[in-house]
């Protein structure tokens, strides 16, 4: 069983094969129910790119919990120089095995100062979860769907810095996951504040995909 908890913005906690994976752990975001003091057991921290609202408190979390940090090679080097002991630096197209959890790095269309922006496929127990990272729409999302067949997609919908509801709906049509959770909205004034438009568009254009809207701190199991 996989358990996914939204921590606001693009931050998620995924519990899979007895591992706890944090993705883009900006738990200082105004929507997060957690603060650094609340974080104890973490096995893997994955960061899609180095922007502050994604790198977040990753360094502090890894230092206090002993978690393995995974990201692109350049971002991994940056974090290692700041005292994180267990670091795996990989690159787009590669896959990393940490215990029984596999992480596959895939492309994202965005910017970054250290390495390239990425999305990630998290696999374990026969389940596949795609965190798209910060990205615009791109046609090769259909290859992600064909190759990795994600059960769950975590898709940015906020616009301005990433896809908005229109483009995110097209992304869902390309990926064809069983389920989708919208993210990266409502945190800043310039972002879309509600998932309602996205929910309606997916129901109209990709009716076979289940849309799951979480409030920060809520979880979904499958």
Protein backbone atom coordinates (compact mmCIF):
# COMPACT_ATOMS: atom_id res chain seq x y z
CA UNK A 1 0.00 0.00 0.00
CA UNK A 2 1.15 3.54 -0.81
CA UNK A 3 0.20 6.49 1.38
CA UNK A 4 0.60 10.01 -0.03
CA UNK A 5 0.35 13.10 2.17
CA UNK A 6 0.32 16.62 0.71
CA UNK A 7 2.33 19.11 2.74
CA UNK A 8 1.34 22.15 0.68
CA UNK A 9 2.86 23.60 -2.51
CA UNK A 10 4.92 20.80 -4.18
CA UNK A 11 5.87 19.03 -0.94
CA UNK A 12 4.72 15.44 -0.49
CA UNK A 13 5.41 12.62 1.91
CA UNK A 14 5.15 9.18 0.32
CA UNK A 15 5.13 6.05 2.49
CA UNK A 16 6.02 3.00 0.44
CA UNK A 17 7.59 -0.40 1.28
CA UNK A 18 8.27 0.75 4.85
CA UNK A 19 10.17 3.80 3.56
CA UNK A 20 9.31 7.45 4.01
CA UNK A 21 10.11 9.60 0.98
CA UNK A 22 9.88 13.39 1.04
CA UNK A 23 9.72 15.22 -2.28
CA UNK A 24 10.46 18.96 -2.52
CA UNK A 25 10.24 19.43 1.26
CA UNK A 26 9.53 23.13 1.57
CA UNK A 27 7.71 22.51 4.81
CA UNK A 28 8.13 26.14 5.77
CA UNK A 29 5.48 27.04 3.19
CA UNK A 30 2.43 28.86 4.54
CA UNK A 31 0.12 25.91 3.84
CA UNK A 32 2.21 23.20 5.50
CA UNK A 33 0.89 21.57 8.67
CA UNK A 34 4.47 20.54 9.57
CA UNK A 35 7.54 22.37 10.72
CA UNK A 36 11.10 21.08 10.87
CA UNK A 37 10.74 20.08 14.50
CA UNK A 38 7.90 17.70 13.53
CA UNK A 39 10.01 15.69 11.08
CA UNK A 40 11.63 12.59 12.57
CA UNK A 41 11.63 9.46 10.35
CA UNK A 42 12.64 10.11 6.75
CA UNK A 43 14.54 7.64 4.57
CA UNK A 44 14.81 9.48 1.23
CA UNK A 45 14.60 13.15 0.27
CA UNK A 46 14.18 13.88 -3.44
CA UNK A 47 14.43 17.45 -4.73
CA UNK A 48 13.31 18.21 -8.29
CA UNK A 49 15.35 21.43 -8.61
CA UNK A 50 17.17 24.00 -6.53
CA UNK A 51 14.58 26.80 -6.26
CA UNK A 52 13.95 27.66 -2.64
CA UNK A 53 10.31 26.61 -2.70
CA UNK A 54 11.44 23.08 -3.61
CA UNK A 55 14.82 22.61 -1.94
CA UNK A 56 13.16 24.00 1.15
CA UNK A 57 14.43 22.42 4.37
CA UNK A 58 15.96 19.39 2.61
CA UNK A 59 19.47 19.96 3.97
CA UNK A 60 18.31 20.31 7.56
CA UNK A 61 16.01 17.28 7.26
CA UNK A 62 18.80 15.08 5.91
CA UNK A 63 21.19 16.19 8.64
CA UNK A 64 18.75 15.53 11.47
CA UNK A 65 17.23 12.26 10.19
CA UNK A 66 20.14 10.72 8.27
CA UNK A 67 17.99 10.50 5.13
CA UNK A 68 19.56 9.90 1.73
CA UNK A 69 19.41 12.99 -0.51
CA UNK A 70 18.72 12.30 -4.19
CA UNK A 71 18.75 14.87 -7.00
CA UNK A 72 20.75 15.79 -10.09
CA UNK A 73 24.52 15.49 -9.87
CA UNK A 74 25.10 19.25 -9.53
CA UNK A 75 22.48 19.74 -6.84
CA UNK A 76 23.79 16.68 -5.03
CA UNK A 77 27.28 18.19 -4.95
CA UNK A 78 25.88 21.47 -3.61
CA UNK A 79 24.11 19.66 -0.77
CA UNK A 80 27.13 17.44 0.03
CA UNK A 81 29.31 20.53 0.46
CA UNK A 82 26.83 21.73 3.08
CA UNK A 83 27.32 18.72 5.26
CA UNK A 84 24.80 16.13 4.09
CA UNK A 85 26.48 12.75 4.43
CA UNK A 86 24.37 10.44 2.25
CA UNK A 87 23.96 11.93 -1.22
CA UNK A 88 23.16 10.33 -4.57
CA UNK A 89 23.64 12.60 -7.56
CA UNK A 90 22.10 11.22 -10.75
CA UNK A 91 20.68 12.64 -13.96
CA UNK A 92 17.69 12.57 -16.29
CA UNK A 93 17.13 9.13 -17.76
CA UNK A 94 18.82 7.38 -14.86
CA UNK A 95 17.28 5.33 -12.09
CA UNK A 96 18.33 4.98 -8.46
CA UNK A 97 17.55 2.09 -6.13
CA UNK A 98 17.36 2.92 -2.42
CA UNK A 99 16.34 -0.24 -0.61
CA UNK A 100 13.12 -1.44 -2.21
CA UNK A 101 12.26 2.01 -3.62
CA UNK A 102 13.26 2.94 -7.16
CA UNK A 103 13.51 6.57 -8.27
CA UNK A 104 13.55 7.37 -11.99
CA UNK A 105 14.61 10.87 -13.03
CA UNK A 106 12.60 12.36 -15.89
CA UNK A 107 12.67 15.72 -17.60
CA UNK A 108 10.75 18.84 -16.65
CA UNK A 109 10.50 22.10 -18.59
CA UNK A 110 11.50 24.82 -16.13
CA UNK A 111 14.68 26.56 -14.95
CA UNK A 112 17.33 25.76 -12.35
CA UNK A 113 20.68 27.18 -11.24
CA UNK A 114 22.26 23.88 -10.23
CA UNK A 115 21.77 21.10 -12.74
CA UNK A 116 18.54 20.63 -14.65
CA UNK A 117 14.95 20.65 -13.40
CA UNK A 118 13.43 17.20 -13.12
CA UNK A 119 10.36 15.19 -12.37
CA UNK A 120 10.59 11.83 -10.62
CA UNK A 121 8.89 8.44 -10.79
CA UNK A 122 8.74 6.70 -7.42
CA UNK A 123 8.20 2.94 -7.65
CA UNK A 124 7.69 0.19 -5.09
CA UNK A 125 5.27 -2.58 -4.16
CA UNK A 126 4.04 -2.61 -7.75
CA UNK A 127 2.96 1.04 -7.53
CA UNK A 128 4.18 3.98 -9.60
CA UNK A 129 3.88 7.64 -8.58
CA UNK A 130 4.91 10.50 -10.88
CA UNK A 131 5.81 13.85 -9.32
CA UNK A 132 6.09 16.22 -12.27
CA UNK A 133 8.11 18.88 -10.46
CA UNK A 134 7.79 22.42 -11.74
CA UNK A 135 7.07 22.12 -15.43
CA UNK A 136 5.27 23.44 -18.44
CA UNK A 137 3.40 21.14 -20.76
CA UNK A 138 5.52 19.02 -23.12
CA UNK A 139 4.52 16.38 -25.63
CA UNK A 140 6.84 13.66 -24.35
CA UNK A 141 4.69 13.35 -21.25
CA UNK A 142 2.92 10.64 -23.21
CA UNK A 143 6.17 8.62 -23.13
CA UNK A 144 6.24 8.91 -19.35
CA UNK A 145 2.74 7.49 -19.37
CA UNK A 146 3.62 4.69 -21.77
CA UNK A 147 6.91 3.68 -20.14
CA UNK A 148 6.12 3.99 -16.44
CA UNK A 149 2.32 3.74 -16.37
CA UNK A 150 1.92 5.85 -13.23
CA UNK A 151 -0.94 4.94 -10.95
CA UNK A 152 -0.77 8.45 -9.50
CA UNK A 153 0.39 11.75 -11.00
CA UNK A 154 1.16 14.83 -8.89
CA UNK A 155 0.68 17.75 -11.27
CA UNK A 156 1.31 21.50 -10.86
CA UNK A 157 -1.72 23.62 -11.78
CA UNK A 158 -0.93 27.08 -10.41
CA UNK A 159 0.14 28.85 -13.60
CA UNK A 160 2.71 31.70 -13.74
CA UNK A 161 5.72 29.51 -12.83
CA UNK A 162 4.27 26.21 -14.12
CA UNK A 163 1.33 24.85 -16.07
CA UNK A 164 -2.08 26.28 -15.32
CA UNK A 165 -5.33 24.29 -15.25
CA UNK A 166 -5.69 24.21 -19.05
CA UNK A 167 -2.20 22.87 -19.71
CA UNK A 168 -2.30 20.57 -16.69
CA UNK A 169 -5.46 18.97 -18.06
CA UNK A 170 -3.68 18.28 -21.34
CA UNK A 171 -0.82 16.78 -19.34
CA UNK A 172 -3.24 14.40 -17.66
CA UNK A 173 -4.56 13.36 -21.08
CA UNK A 174 -1.00 12.61 -22.24
CA UNK A 175 0.10 10.74 -19.11
CA UNK A 176 -3.16 8.84 -18.54
CA UNK A 177 -2.62 8.02 -14.86
CA UNK A 178 -5.30 6.26 -12.88
CA UNK A 179 -5.37 9.14 -10.40
CA UNK A 180 -4.12 12.72 -10.19
CA UNK A 181 -3.51 15.10 -7.30
CA UNK A 182 -3.14 18.82 -8.15
CA UNK A 183 -0.31 20.74 -6.48
CA UNK A 184 1.67 24.01 -6.63
CA UNK A 185 -1.34 26.31 -6.29
CA UNK A 186 -2.66 28.71 -3.67
CA UNK A 187 0.73 29.36 -2.05
CA UNK A 188 1.57 32.70 -3.67
CA UNK A 189 -0.82 35.48 -4.77
CA UNK A 190 0.16 35.04 -8.45
CA UNK A 191 -0.83 31.38 -8.48
CA UNK A 192 -4.26 29.91 -9.16
CA UNK A 193 -5.94 29.79 -5.76
CA UNK A 194 -8.41 26.94 -6.27
CA UNK A 195 -8.25 23.52 -7.97
CA UNK A 196 -11.91 23.72 -9.05
CA UNK A 197 -11.25 24.68 -12.69
CA UNK A 198 -8.70 21.88 -13.08
CA UNK A 199 -11.05 19.36 -11.48
CA UNK A 200 -13.85 20.28 -13.86
CA UNK A 201 -11.63 20.21 -16.94
CA UNK A 202 -10.23 16.77 -16.12
CA UNK A 203 -13.70 15.39 -15.48
CA UNK A 204 -14.80 16.66 -18.88
CA UNK A 205 -11.73 15.76 -20.95
CA UNK A 206 -10.19 12.79 -19.13
CA UNK A 207 -13.15 11.17 -17.41
CA UNK A 208 -11.30 7.94 -16.74
CA UNK A 209 -8.86 9.68 -14.40
CA UNK A 210 -9.83 10.07 -10.75
CA UNK A 211 -9.08 13.56 -9.41
CA UNK A 212 -8.13 13.66 -5.74
CA UNK A 213 -8.02 17.08 -4.07
CA UNK A 214 -6.19 17.08 -0.76
CA UNK A 215 -5.99 19.78 1.86
CA UNK A 216 -2.50 20.25 3.29
CA UNK A 217 -1.93 17.51 5.81
CA UNK A 218 -4.45 15.12 4.27
CA UNK A 219 -3.45 11.70 2.95
CA UNK A 220 -4.62 9.27 0.30
CA UNK A 221 -3.92 5.54 0.29
CA UNK A 222 -4.04 3.11 -2.62
